[in-house]
Amino acid sequence: MALNLDRIDRALLRLLQQEGRLSNTELAERVNLSPSATLRRVQRLEAAGVIAGYAARLNARALGLGLTAFLRVQLAAHTGEAIEHFMRTVQDADEVVACHALTGDMDYLLEIHVTDLEHYSRFLLDHLLNDAGVADVNSSFVLRTVKAGGTLPLAHD
């Protein structure tokens, strides 16, 4: 069940999605609340799981991760054991930044970041095709990122 969010909750969430380093005092000023009331609201949103955590957004290229790819993966078997093994393999791979179970002809969509095509090849051969229970992989390489790190849409006031 979703938490009932009022206008101020949505404003706080918008601000935190855009500028996660705002202090409680700055947040309070921007939503016209006292710092104590703002803190209580943020703590309630955290406790309810609406705010899942805080993190810095890193620039992949600045870290030498110049190649981004999306991999559509089909498993060889769909037993509980095969799925668990694949999920462990994906969770243990630093290159995988997102993995989604899909409907349709492919089972999973992976977003990976690697240094170059050689790194991609090693990841594919050593991790996915070696022992992860994968039957097929279709890869798409990112030519240009148009939008990334977007914020979640919040109901309008």
C-alpha atoms as a PDB file:
ATOM      1  CA  MET A   1       0.000   0.000   0.000  1.00  0.00           C
ATOM      2  CA  ALA A   2       1.416   3.371  -1.024  1.00  0.00           C
ATOM      3  CA  LEU A   3       1.924   6.068   1.574  1.00  0.00           C
ATOM      4  CA  ASN A   4      -0.491   8.998   1.224  1.00  0.00           C
ATOM      5  CA  LEU A   5       1.727  11.916   0.194  1.00  0.00           C
ATOM      6  CA  ASP A   6       0.615  15.504   0.533  1.00  0.00           C
ATOM      7  CA  ARG A   7       1.955  18.533  -1.374  1.00  0.00           C
ATOM      8  CA  ILE A   8       4.792  19.124   1.111  1.00  0.00           C
ATOM      9  CA  ASP A   9       5.884  15.460   1.060  1.00  0.00           C
ATOM     10  CA  ARG A  10       6.039  15.580  -2.755  1.00  0.00           C
ATOM     11  CA  ALA A  11       7.995  18.844  -2.626  1.00  0.00           C
ATOM     12  CA  LEU A  12      10.497  17.302  -0.203  1.00  0.00           C
ATOM     13  CA  LEU A  13      10.889  14.242  -2.424  1.00  0.00           C
ATOM     14  CA  ARG A  14      11.398  16.382  -5.548  1.00  0.00           C
ATOM     15  CA  LEU A  15      14.091  18.397  -3.790  1.00  0.00           C
ATOM     16  CA  LEU A  16      15.859  15.337  -2.397  1.00  0.00           C
ATOM     17  CA  GLN A  17      15.823  13.603  -5.800  1.00  0.00           C
ATOM     18  CA  GLN A  18      17.370  16.653  -7.444  1.00  0.00           C
ATOM     19  CA  GLU A  19      19.687  17.813  -4.669  1.00  0.00           C
ATOM     20  CA  GLY A  20      20.276  14.999  -2.211  1.00  0.00           C
ATOM     21  CA  ARG A  21      22.889  16.935  -0.248  1.00  0.00           C
ATOM     22  CA  LEU A  22      20.518  19.650   0.955  1.00  0.00           C
ATOM     23  CA  SER A  23      20.693  20.107   4.698  1.00  0.00           C
ATOM     24  CA  ASN A  24      17.540  19.802   6.760  1.00  0.00           C
ATOM     25  CA  THR A  25      17.612  23.582   7.285  1.00  0.00           C
ATOM     26  CA  GLU A  26      17.784  24.203   3.522  1.00  0.00           C
ATOM     27  CA  LEU A  27      14.967  21.723   2.916  1.00  0.00           C
ATOM     28  CA  ALA A  28      12.840  23.408   5.563  1.00  0.00           C
ATOM     29  CA  GLU A  29      13.381  26.837   4.005  1.00  0.00           C
ATOM     30  CA  ARG A  30      12.462  25.587   0.526  1.00  0.00           C
ATOM     31  CA  VAL A  31       9.169  24.007   1.658  1.00  0.00           C
ATOM     32  CA  ASN A  32       8.323  26.712   4.203  1.00  0.00           C
ATOM     33  CA  LEU A  33       8.312  24.460   7.261  1.00  0.00           C
ATOM     34  CA  SER A  34      10.239  24.512  10.509  1.00  0.00           C
ATOM     35  CA  PRO A  35      13.398  22.370  10.559  1.00  0.00           C
ATOM     36  CA  SER A  36      11.875  20.046  13.183  1.00  0.00           C
ATOM     37  CA  ALA A  37       8.683  19.481  11.141  1.00  0.00           C
ATOM     38  CA  THR A  38      10.779  18.889   8.014  1.00  0.00           C
ATOM     39  CA  LEU A  39      12.977  16.380   9.815  1.00  0.00           C
ATOM     40  CA  ARG A  40       9.927  14.484  11.100  1.00  0.00           C
ATOM     41  CA  ARG A  41       8.494  14.290   7.570  1.00  0.00           C
ATOM     42  CA  VAL A  42      11.763  13.077   6.044  1.00  0.00           C
ATOM     43  CA  GLN A  43      12.166  10.477   8.801  1.00  0.00           C
ATOM     44  CA  ARG A  44       8.584   9.282   8.172  1.00  0.00           C
ATOM     45  CA  LEU A  45       9.320   8.968   4.429  1.00  0.00           C
ATOM     46  CA  GLU A  46      12.500   7.035   5.209  1.00  0.00           C
ATOM     47  CA  ALA A  47      10.747   4.722   7.687  1.00  0.00           C
ATOM     48  CA  ALA A  48       7.962   4.034   5.174  1.00  0.00           C
ATOM     49  CA  GLY A  49      10.539   3.062   2.549  1.00  0.00           C
ATOM     50  CA  VAL A  50       9.588   5.900   0.199  1.00  0.00           C
ATOM     51  CA  ILE A  51      13.157   7.194   0.537  1.00  0.00           C
ATOM     52  CA  ALA A  52      15.217   4.068  -0.077  1.00  0.00           C
ATOM     53  CA  GLY A  53      18.625   5.624   0.590  1.00  0.00           C
ATOM     54  CA  TYR A  54      21.090   8.299  -0.402  1.00  0.00           C
ATOM     55  CA  ALA A  55      23.951   8.028  -2.883  1.00  0.00           C
ATOM     56  CA  ALA A  56      26.245  10.089  -5.087  1.00  0.00           C
ATOM     57  CA  ARG A  57      25.781   9.856  -8.862  1.00  0.00           C
ATOM     58  CA  LEU A  58      29.106   9.017 -10.458  1.00  0.00           C
ATOM     59  CA  ASN A  59      30.294   9.792 -13.979  1.00  0.00           C
ATOM     60  CA  ALA A  60      31.093   6.449 -15.653  1.00  0.00           C
ATOM     61  CA  ARG A  61      33.358   8.004 -18.307  1.00  0.00           C
ATOM     62  CA  ALA A  62      35.347   9.903 -15.679  1.00  0.00           C
ATOM     63  CA  LEU A  63      35.937   6.536 -13.994  1.00  0.00           C
ATOM     64  CA  GLY A  64      37.204   4.962 -17.224  1.00  0.00           C
ATOM     65  CA  LEU A  65      33.971   3.070 -17.927  1.00  0.00           C
ATOM     66  CA  GLY A  66      33.583   4.175 -21.530  1.00  0.00           C
ATOM     67  CA  LEU A  67      31.236   1.472 -22.804  1.00  0.00           C
ATOM     68  CA  THR A  68      27.646   0.990 -21.693  1.00  0.00           C
ATOM     69  CA  ALA A  69      25.569  -1.910 -22.986  1.00  0.00           C
ATOM     70  CA  PHE A  70      22.116  -3.324 -22.501  1.00  0.00           C
ATOM     71  CA  LEU A  71      21.938  -7.097 -22.633  1.00  0.00           C
ATOM     72  CA  ARG A  72      18.736  -9.022 -23.163  1.00  0.00           C
ATOM     73  CA  VAL A  73      19.273 -12.436 -21.594  1.00  0.00           C
ATOM     74  CA  GLN A  74      17.378 -15.687 -22.016  1.00  0.00           C
ATOM     75  CA  LEU A  75      18.004 -18.468 -19.516  1.00  0.00           C
ATOM     76  CA  ALA A  76      18.548 -22.063 -20.578  1.00  0.00           C
ATOM     77  CA  ALA A  77      16.268 -23.344 -17.806  1.00  0.00           C
ATOM     78  CA  HIS A  78      13.601 -21.715 -15.664  1.00  0.00           C
ATOM     79  CA  THR A  79      13.872 -23.806 -12.527  1.00  0.00           C
ATOM     80  CA  GLY A  80      14.142 -22.115  -9.157  1.00  0.00           C
ATOM     81  CA  GLU A  81      17.735 -23.257  -8.849  1.00  0.00           C
ATOM     82  CA  ALA A  82      18.701 -21.924 -12.307  1.00  0.00           C
ATOM     83  CA  ILE A  83      17.076 -18.556 -11.627  1.00  0.00           C
ATOM     84  CA  GLU A  84      18.758 -18.247  -8.211  1.00  0.00           C
ATOM     85  CA  HIS A  85      22.136 -19.120  -9.741  1.00  0.00           C
ATOM     86  CA  PHE A  86      21.706 -16.488 -12.462  1.00  0.00           C
ATOM     87  CA  MET A  87      20.622 -13.838  -9.940  1.00  0.00           C
ATOM     88  CA  ARG A  88      23.664 -14.573  -7.729  1.00  0.00           C
ATOM     89  CA  THR A  89      25.954 -14.320 -10.766  1.00  0.00           C
ATOM     90  CA  VAL A  90      24.443 -10.951 -11.702  1.00  0.00           C
ATOM     91  CA  GLN A  91      24.518  -9.613  -8.140  1.00  0.00           C
ATOM     92  CA  ASP A  92      28.194 -10.552  -7.808  1.00  0.00           C
ATOM     93  CA  ALA A  93      29.200  -8.828 -11.073  1.00  0.00           C
ATOM     94  CA  ASP A  94      30.343  -5.245 -10.497  1.00  0.00           C
ATOM     95  CA  GLU A  95      29.782  -4.465 -14.183  1.00  0.00           C
ATOM     96  CA  VAL A  96      26.018  -4.951 -13.827  1.00  0.00           C
ATOM     97  CA  VAL A  97      24.398  -1.766 -12.548  1.00  0.00           C
ATOM     98  CA  ALA A  98      20.790  -2.866 -13.165  1.00  0.00           C
ATOM     99  CA  CYS A  99      18.971  -6.119 -13.864  1.00  0.00           C
ATOM    100  CA  HIS A 100      15.263  -6.389 -14.600  1.00  0.00           C
ATOM    101  CA  ALA A 101      13.118  -9.493 -15.086  1.00  0.00           C
ATOM    102  CA  LEU A 102      11.066  -9.086 -18.256  1.00  0.00           C
ATOM    103  CA  THR A 103       7.967 -10.343 -19.966  1.00  0.00           C
ATOM    104  CA  GLY A 104       8.257 -11.475 -23.572  1.00  0.00           C
ATOM    105  CA  ASP A 105      10.836 -13.566 -25.366  1.00  0.00           C
ATOM    106  CA  MET A 106      13.813 -12.598 -23.172  1.00  0.00           C
ATOM    107  CA  ASP A 107      13.988 -13.177 -19.441  1.00  0.00           C
ATOM    108  CA  TYR A 108      16.195 -10.333 -18.180  1.00  0.00           C
ATOM    109  CA  LEU A 109      17.522  -6.934 -19.209  1.00  0.00           C
ATOM    110  CA  LEU A 110      20.956  -6.015 -17.841  1.00  0.00           C
ATOM    111  CA  GLU A 111      22.633  -2.630 -17.939  1.00  0.00           C
ATOM    112  CA  ILE A 112      26.388  -2.963 -17.764  1.00  0.00           C
ATOM    113  CA  HIS A 113      29.277  -0.498 -17.669  1.00  0.00           C
ATOM    114  CA  VAL A 114      32.720  -1.644 -18.780  1.00  0.00           C
ATOM    115  CA  THR A 115      35.969   0.002 -19.840  1.00  0.00           C
ATOM    116  CA  ASP A 116      35.944  -1.137 -23.459  1.00  0.00           C
ATOM    117  CA  LEU A 117      34.971  -3.895 -25.887  1.00  0.00           C
ATOM    118  CA  GLU A 118      37.654  -6.229 -24.520  1.00  0.00           C
ATOM    119  CA  HIS A 119      36.274  -5.825 -20.994  1.00  0.00           C
ATOM    120  CA  TYR A 120      32.770  -6.476 -22.360  1.00  0.00           C
ATOM    121  CA  SER A 121      33.970  -9.630 -24.088  1.00  0.00           C
ATOM    122  CA  ARG A 122      35.606 -10.930 -20.883  1.00  0.00           C
ATOM    123  CA  PHE A 123      32.447 -10.157 -18.890  1.00  0.00           C
ATOM    124  CA  LEU A 124      30.225 -11.924 -21.421  1.00  0.00           C
ATOM    125  CA  LEU A 125      32.422 -14.999 -21.838  1.00  0.00           C
ATOM    126  CA  ASP A 126      33.608 -15.386 -18.243  1.00  0.00           C
ATOM    127  CA  HIS A 127      30.436 -14.464 -16.355  1.00  0.00           C
ATOM    128  CA  LEU A 128      27.307 -14.842 -18.439  1.00  0.00           C
ATOM    129  CA  LEU A 129      28.071 -17.542 -20.970  1.00  0.00           C
ATOM    130  CA  ASN A 130      30.454 -19.610 -18.864  1.00  0.00           C
ATOM    131  CA  ASP A 131      28.353 -20.811 -15.941  1.00  0.00           C
ATOM    132  CA  ALA A 132      25.322 -18.578 -15.395  1.00  0.00           C
ATOM    133  CA  GLY A 133      22.801 -20.825 -17.147  1.00  0.00           C
ATOM    134  CA  VAL A 134      22.330 -18.407 -20.045  1.00  0.00           C
ATOM    135  CA  ALA A 135      21.036 -19.722 -23.390  1.00  0.00           C
ATOM    136  CA  ASP A 136      21.077 -16.475 -25.387  1.00  0.00           C
ATOM    137  CA  VAL A 137      22.277 -12.885 -25.093  1.00  0.00           C
ATOM    138  CA  ASN A 138      21.416  -9.971 -27.375  1.00  0.00           C
ATOM    139  CA  SER A 139      23.522  -6.863 -26.810  1.00  0.00           C
ATOM    140  CA  SER A 140      22.933  -3.227 -27.662  1.00  0.00           C
ATOM    141  CA  PHE A 141      25.724  -0.715 -27.161  1.00  0.00           C
ATOM    142  CA  VAL A 142      24.942   2.841 -26.123  1.00  0.00           C
ATOM    143  CA  LEU A 143      26.016   5.384 -28.732  1.00  0.00           C
ATOM    144  CA  ARG A 144      24.846   8.418 -26.786  1.00  0.00           C
ATOM    145  CA  THR A 145      22.919   8.907 -23.567  1.00  0.00           C
ATOM    146  CA  VAL A 146      20.042  11.316 -24.012  1.00  0.00           C
ATOM    147  CA  LYS A 147      18.736  11.152 -20.447  1.00  0.00           C
ATOM    148  CA  ALA A 148      20.046   9.352 -17.379  1.00  0.00           C
ATOM    149  CA  GLY A 149      19.701   9.553 -13.625  1.00  0.00           C
ATOM    150  CA  GLY A 150      16.256  11.029 -13.942  1.00  0.00           C
ATOM    151  CA  THR A 151      13.947  11.523 -11.043  1.00  0.00           C
ATOM    152  CA  LEU A 152      10.792   9.523 -10.426  1.00  0.00           C
ATOM    153  CA  PRO A 153       7.564  11.252 -11.434  1.00  0.00           C
ATOM    154  CA  LEU A 154       5.529  12.434  -8.478  1.00  0.00           C
ATOM    155  CA  ALA A 155       1.820  13.189  -8.558  1.00  0.00           C
ATOM    156  CA  HIS A 156       1.172  16.808  -9.410  1.00  0.00           C
ATOM    157  CA  ASP A 157      -0.331  19.172  -6.875  1.00  0.00           C
END
